[in-house]
C-alpha atoms as a PDB file:
ATOM      1  CA  MET A   1     -52.423  24.655 -13.403  1.00  0.00           C
ATOM      2  CA  ALA A   2     -51.527  23.424  -9.902  1.00  0.00           C
ATOM      3  CA  ILE A   3     -49.301  20.712 -11.340  1.00  0.00           C
ATOM      4  CA  PHE A   4     -47.013  23.327 -12.906  1.00  0.00           C
ATOM      5  CA  GLY A   5     -46.526  24.957  -9.491  1.00  0.00           C
ATOM      6  CA  THR A   6     -45.572  21.731  -7.737  1.00  0.00           C
ATOM      7  CA  VAL A   7     -43.096  20.455 -10.366  1.00  0.00           C
ATOM      8  CA  PRO A   8     -40.538  23.229  -9.747  1.00  0.00           C
ATOM      9  CA  LEU A   9     -41.013  22.773  -6.024  1.00  0.00           C
ATOM     10  CA  LEU A  10     -40.415  19.016  -6.278  1.00  0.00           C
ATOM     11  CA  LEU A  11     -37.416  19.604  -8.532  1.00  0.00           C
ATOM     12  CA  ALA A  12     -35.951  22.115  -6.061  1.00  0.00           C
ATOM     13  CA  LEU A  13     -36.484  19.705  -3.136  1.00  0.00           C
ATOM     14  CA  THR A  14     -34.850  16.868  -5.078  1.00  0.00           C
ATOM     15  CA  VAL A  15     -31.790  19.002  -5.847  1.00  0.00           C
ATOM     16  CA  LEU A  16     -31.525  20.105  -2.218  1.00  0.00           C
ATOM     17  CA  CYS A  17     -31.813  16.552  -0.911  1.00  0.00           C
ATOM     18  CA  CYS A  18     -29.163  15.281  -3.300  1.00  0.00           C
ATOM     19  CA  PHE A  19     -26.559  18.027  -2.987  1.00  0.00           C
ATOM     20  CA  LEU A  20     -27.007  19.530   0.459  1.00  0.00           C
ATOM     21  CA  PRO A  21     -25.392  16.623   2.361  1.00  0.00           C
ATOM     22  CA  SER A  22     -22.262  16.859   0.216  1.00  0.00           C
ATOM     23  CA  LEU A  23     -21.557  20.506   1.029  1.00  0.00           C
ATOM     24  CA  PRO A  24     -18.172  20.815   2.749  1.00  0.00           C
ATOM     25  CA  PHE A  25     -19.370  22.660   5.840  1.00  0.00           C
ATOM     26  CA  LEU A  26     -21.902  19.943   6.621  1.00  0.00           C
ATOM     27  CA  SER A  27     -19.585  16.984   6.075  1.00  0.00           C
ATOM     28  CA  ALA A  28     -16.874  18.591   8.221  1.00  0.00           C
ATOM     29  CA  ALA A  29     -19.310  18.955  11.102  1.00  0.00           C
ATOM     30  CA  ALA A  30     -20.176  15.254  10.907  1.00  0.00           C
ATOM     31  CA  LYS A  31     -16.536  14.137  10.707  1.00  0.00           C
ATOM     32  CA  LYS A  32     -15.465  11.750  13.457  1.00  0.00           C
ATOM     33  CA  PRO A  33     -12.486  12.837  15.597  1.00  0.00           C
ATOM     34  CA  GLU A  34      -9.104  11.347  14.773  1.00  0.00           C
ATOM     35  CA  LEU A  35      -8.474   7.922  16.287  1.00  0.00           C
ATOM     36  CA  ALA A  36      -5.401   9.257  18.078  1.00  0.00           C
ATOM     37  CA  ILE A  37      -7.499  11.885  19.878  1.00  0.00           C
ATOM     38  CA  GLN A  38     -10.111   9.268  20.781  1.00  0.00           C
ATOM     39  CA  VAL A  39      -7.363   7.114  22.303  1.00  0.00           C
ATOM     40  CA  CYS A  40      -5.733   9.993  24.190  1.00  0.00           C
ATOM     41  CA  LYS A  41      -9.056  10.940  25.753  1.00  0.00           C
ATOM     42  CA  LYS A  42      -9.124   7.488  27.378  1.00  0.00           C
ATOM     43  CA  THR A  43      -5.634   7.699  28.900  1.00  0.00           C
ATOM     44  CA  THR A  44      -4.643   8.953  32.337  1.00  0.00           C
ATOM     45  CA  ASP A  45      -2.842  12.002  30.883  1.00  0.00           C
ATOM     46  CA  PHE A  46      -4.415  13.424  27.717  1.00  0.00           C
ATOM     47  CA  LYS A  47      -1.789  16.142  27.202  1.00  0.00           C
ATOM     48  CA  PHE A  48       1.142  13.734  27.564  1.00  0.00           C
ATOM     49  CA  CYS A  49      -0.551  11.264  25.224  1.00  0.00           C
ATOM     50  CA  ARG A  50      -1.236  13.904  22.570  1.00  0.00           C
ATOM     51  CA  GLN A  51       2.362  15.183  22.714  1.00  0.00           C
ATOM     52  CA  THR A  52       3.723  11.653  22.452  1.00  0.00           C
ATOM     53  CA  ILE A  53       1.457  10.375  19.697  1.00  0.00           C
ATOM     54  CA  TYR A  54       1.584  13.555  17.600  1.00  0.00           C
ATOM     55  CA  SER A  55       5.394  13.581  17.695  1.00  0.00           C
ATOM     56  CA  ASP A  56       4.924  11.162  14.798  1.00  0.00           C
ATOM     57  CA  PRO A  57       3.645  12.777  11.569  1.00  0.00           C
ATOM     58  CA  ARG A  58       1.500   9.712  10.789  1.00  0.00           C
ATOM     59  CA  ALA A  59      -0.717  10.285  13.843  1.00  0.00           C
ATOM     60  CA  PRO A  60      -3.512  12.405  12.301  1.00  0.00           C
ATOM     61  CA  ASP A  61      -4.403   9.725   9.744  1.00  0.00           C
ATOM     62  CA  ALA A  62      -3.325   6.701  11.791  1.00  0.00           C
ATOM     63  CA  ASP A  63      -5.438   3.574  11.877  1.00  0.00           C
ATOM     64  CA  ARG A  64      -5.184   1.202  14.844  1.00  0.00           C
ATOM     65  CA  VAL A  65      -2.089  -0.605  13.533  1.00  0.00           C
ATOM     66  CA  VAL A  66      -0.106   2.576  12.832  1.00  0.00           C
ATOM     67  CA  LEU A  67      -1.239   3.978  16.169  1.00  0.00           C
ATOM     68  CA  ALA A  68      -0.024   0.820  17.896  1.00  0.00           C
ATOM     69  CA  TYR A  69       3.391   1.164  16.222  1.00  0.00           C
ATOM     70  CA  ILE A  70       3.615   4.793  17.340  1.00  0.00           C
ATOM     71  CA  ALA A  71       2.615   4.046  20.933  1.00  0.00           C
ATOM     72  CA  PHE A  72       4.709   0.927  21.501  1.00  0.00           C
ATOM     73  CA  LYS A  73       7.816   2.312  19.750  1.00  0.00           C
ATOM     74  CA  ASN A  74       7.649   5.456  21.888  1.00  0.00           C
ATOM     75  CA  ALA A  75       7.306   3.345  25.015  1.00  0.00           C
ATOM     76  CA  SER A  76      10.190   1.061  24.061  1.00  0.00           C
ATOM     77  CA  LYS A  77      12.510   4.069  23.487  1.00  0.00           C
ATOM     78  CA  ILE A  78      12.389   5.041  27.157  1.00  0.00           C
ATOM     79  CA  GLY A  79      14.694   2.181  28.074  1.00  0.00           C
ATOM     80  CA  GLY A  80      17.611   3.867  26.341  1.00  0.00           C
ATOM     81  CA  GLY A  81      17.992   6.381  29.158  1.00  0.00           C
ATOM     82  CA  GLY A  82      18.368   9.337  26.824  1.00  0.00           C
ATOM     83  CA  GLY A  83      22.059   9.672  27.659  1.00  0.00           C
ATOM     84  CA  LYS A  84      21.458  11.488  30.972  1.00  0.00           C
ATOM     85  CA  SER A  85      23.850  10.200  33.614  1.00  0.00           C
ATOM     86  CA  GLY A  86      21.245  10.323  36.426  1.00  0.00           C
ATOM     87  CA  ILE A  87      18.750   8.351  34.404  1.00  0.00           C
ATOM     88  CA  LEU A  88      21.411   5.906  33.264  1.00  0.00           C
ATOM     89  CA  LYS A  89      22.568   5.348  36.853  1.00  0.00           C
ATOM     90  CA  GLY A  90      18.980   4.756  37.959  1.00  0.00           C
ATOM     91  CA  LEU A  91      18.329   2.449  35.047  1.00  0.00           C
ATOM     92  CA  LYS A  92      21.301   0.318  36.044  1.00  0.00           C
ATOM     93  CA  SER A  93      19.747  -0.263  39.456  1.00  0.00           C
ATOM     94  CA  CYS A  94      16.422  -1.143  37.772  1.00  0.00           C
ATOM     95  CA  LEU A  95      18.021  -3.003  34.892  1.00  0.00           C
ATOM     96  CA  ALA A  96      16.095  -6.246  35.329  1.00  0.00           C
ATOM     97  CA  ASP A  97      12.745  -4.441  35.502  1.00  0.00           C
ATOM     98  CA  TYR A  98      13.482  -2.306  32.465  1.00  0.00           C
ATOM     99  CA  ASN A  99      14.879  -5.219  30.473  1.00  0.00           C
ATOM    100  CA  GLN A 100      11.650  -7.111  31.066  1.00  0.00           C
ATOM    101  CA  ALA A 101       9.514  -4.052  30.259  1.00  0.00           C
ATOM    102  CA  ILE A 102      11.409  -3.460  27.017  1.00  0.00           C
ATOM    103  CA  GLY A 103      11.095  -7.177  26.252  1.00  0.00           C
ATOM    104  CA  ASP A 104       7.317  -6.961  26.693  1.00  0.00           C
ATOM    105  CA  LEU A 105       7.081  -3.921  24.431  1.00  0.00           C
ATOM    106  CA  SER A 106       9.411  -5.469  21.854  1.00  0.00           C
ATOM    107  CA  GLU A 107       7.219  -8.559  21.759  1.00  0.00           C
ATOM    108  CA  VAL A 108       4.267  -6.381  20.829  1.00  0.00           C
ATOM    109  CA  LEU A 109       6.263  -4.712  18.063  1.00  0.00           C
ATOM    110  CA  ARG A 110       7.229  -8.142  16.666  1.00  0.00           C
ATOM    111  CA  ASP A 111       3.584  -9.207  16.851  1.00  0.00           C
ATOM    112  CA  LEU A 112       2.590  -6.065  14.956  1.00  0.00           C
ATOM    113  CA  ASP A 113       5.108  -6.942  12.251  1.00  0.00           C
ATOM    114  CA  ASP A 114       3.622 -10.455  12.092  1.00  0.00           C
ATOM    115  CA  GLU A 115       0.059  -9.063  12.165  1.00  0.00           C
ATOM    116  CA  THR A 116      -0.765 -11.099  15.269  1.00  0.00           C
ATOM    117  CA  TYR A 117      -2.515  -8.867  17.758  1.00  0.00           C
ATOM    118  CA  TYR A 118      -2.920 -11.134  20.767  1.00  0.00           C
ATOM    119  CA  ASP A 119      -1.996 -10.061  24.342  1.00  0.00           C
ATOM    120  CA  PHE A 120      -1.197  -6.400  23.581  1.00  0.00           C
ATOM    121  CA  ASP A 121      -3.200  -5.372  26.639  1.00  0.00           C
ATOM    122  CA  LYS A 122      -1.521  -7.902  28.922  1.00  0.00           C
ATOM    123  CA  LEU A 123       1.983  -7.016  27.739  1.00  0.00           C
ATOM    124  CA  SER A 124       1.413  -3.281  28.115  1.00  0.00           C
ATOM    125  CA  ARG A 125       0.157  -3.823  31.692  1.00  0.00           C
ATOM    126  CA  GLU A 126       3.199  -6.001  32.456  1.00  0.00           C
ATOM    127  CA  ALA A 127       5.541  -3.298  31.169  1.00  0.00           C
ATOM    128  CA  GLU A 128       3.743  -0.771  33.370  1.00  0.00           C
ATOM    129  CA  SER A 129       4.099  -3.000  36.437  1.00  0.00           C
ATOM    130  CA  ARG A 130       7.848  -3.267  35.790  1.00  0.00           C
ATOM    131  CA  ALA A 131       8.217   0.534  35.876  1.00  0.00           C
ATOM    132  CA  ARG A 132       6.186   0.660  39.080  1.00  0.00           C
ATOM    133  CA  ALA A 133       8.379  -2.080  40.600  1.00  0.00           C
ATOM    134  CA  CYS A 134      11.503  -0.113  39.721  1.00  0.00           C
ATOM    135  CA  GLU A 135      10.132   2.981  41.450  1.00  0.00           C
ATOM    136  CA  LYS A 136       9.043   1.017  44.541  1.00  0.00           C
ATOM    137  CA  GLY A 137      12.509  -0.503  44.829  1.00  0.00           C
ATOM    138  CA  PHE A 138      13.912   2.886  45.852  1.00  0.00           C
ATOM    139  CA  ARG A 139      11.485   3.261  48.792  1.00  0.00           C
ATOM    140  CA  GLY A 140      10.929   6.879  48.029  1.00  0.00           C
ATOM    141  CA  ARG A 141      11.482   9.070  45.014  1.00  0.00           C
ATOM    142  CA  SER A 142      14.010   7.417  42.748  1.00  0.00           C
ATOM    143  CA  PRO A 143      16.630   9.291  40.725  1.00  0.00           C
ATOM    144  CA  ILE A 144      14.704   8.210  37.648  1.00  0.00           C
ATOM    145  CA  ALA A 145      11.209   9.022  38.904  1.00  0.00           C
ATOM    146  CA  LYS A 146      10.419  11.084  35.792  1.00  0.00           C
ATOM    147  CA  GLY A 147      11.549   8.239  33.528  1.00  0.00           C
ATOM    148  CA  ASN A 148       9.418   5.785  35.472  1.00  0.00           C
ATOM    149  CA  SER A 149       6.459   8.158  35.400  1.00  0.00           C
ATOM    150  CA  ASP A 150       6.859   8.639  31.652  1.00  0.00           C
ATOM    151  CA  LEU A 151       7.080   4.886  31.077  1.00  0.00           C
ATOM    152  CA  ILE A 152       3.929   4.369  33.142  1.00  0.00           C
ATOM    153  CA  LYS A 153       2.110   7.007  31.048  1.00  0.00           C
ATOM    154  CA  LEU A 154       3.452   5.517  27.811  1.00  0.00           C
ATOM    155  CA  THR A 155       2.342   2.031  28.765  1.00  0.00           C
ATOM    156  CA  ASN A 156      -1.078   3.456  29.647  1.00  0.00           C
ATOM    157  CA  ILE A 157      -1.286   4.821  26.095  1.00  0.00           C
ATOM    158  CA  CYS A 158      -0.249   1.389  24.807  1.00  0.00           C
ATOM    159  CA  TYR A 159      -2.951  -0.254  26.907  1.00  0.00           C
ATOM    160  CA  VAL A 160      -5.673   2.041  25.522  1.00  0.00           C
ATOM    161  CA  VAL A 161      -4.416   1.427  21.970  1.00  0.00           C
ATOM    162  CA  SER A 162      -4.421  -2.332  22.638  1.00  0.00           C
ATOM    163  CA  LYS A 163      -8.160  -2.133  23.277  1.00  0.00           C
ATOM    164  CA  LEU A 164      -8.606  -1.216  19.589  1.00  0.00           C
ATOM    165  CA  PHE A 165      -7.734  -4.831  18.753  1.00  0.00           C
ATOM    166  CA  LYS A 166     -10.380  -7.465  19.269  1.00  0.00           C
ATOM    167  CA  TYR A 167      -7.851 -10.251  19.925  1.00  0.00           C
ATOM    168  CA  ASN A 168      -6.955  -9.379  23.493  1.00  0.00           C
ATOM    169  CA  ASP A 169      -8.216 -10.539  26.868  1.00  0.00           C
END
């Protein structure tokens, strides 16, 4: 008689073990945070990173390649000056630095297109140093300090994203 009491219990345990892990509330709790959020948590300015990355609708589902495109394209846009005369005037005085920074970021974008992921970290750090050099050249607060600060933050995002690729030094 004891065998008839344990069979339903075993059957119930089997059903629970098979179906319980697939319940939506349990799988949602175990879900890993989005890659973009993981990256932003490693940057110097989480809020700025999140605003920048999530300005692109692909961000929530982005893998490392899409995230790299988002980060490096946003960083390379800063060189356009946004049409503000103060920024444009400041950019002219830092033209060589910004041209080199945009060249570094453009090289990464070409490498992404070619699926060669080498030196992303080095190039993002070089672009950052160019923005810092531009700011230092004014010996005080430059007329484009916000642009320089934004480029430094953007290149920091690029650097953190570059660490997602195993082919960097």
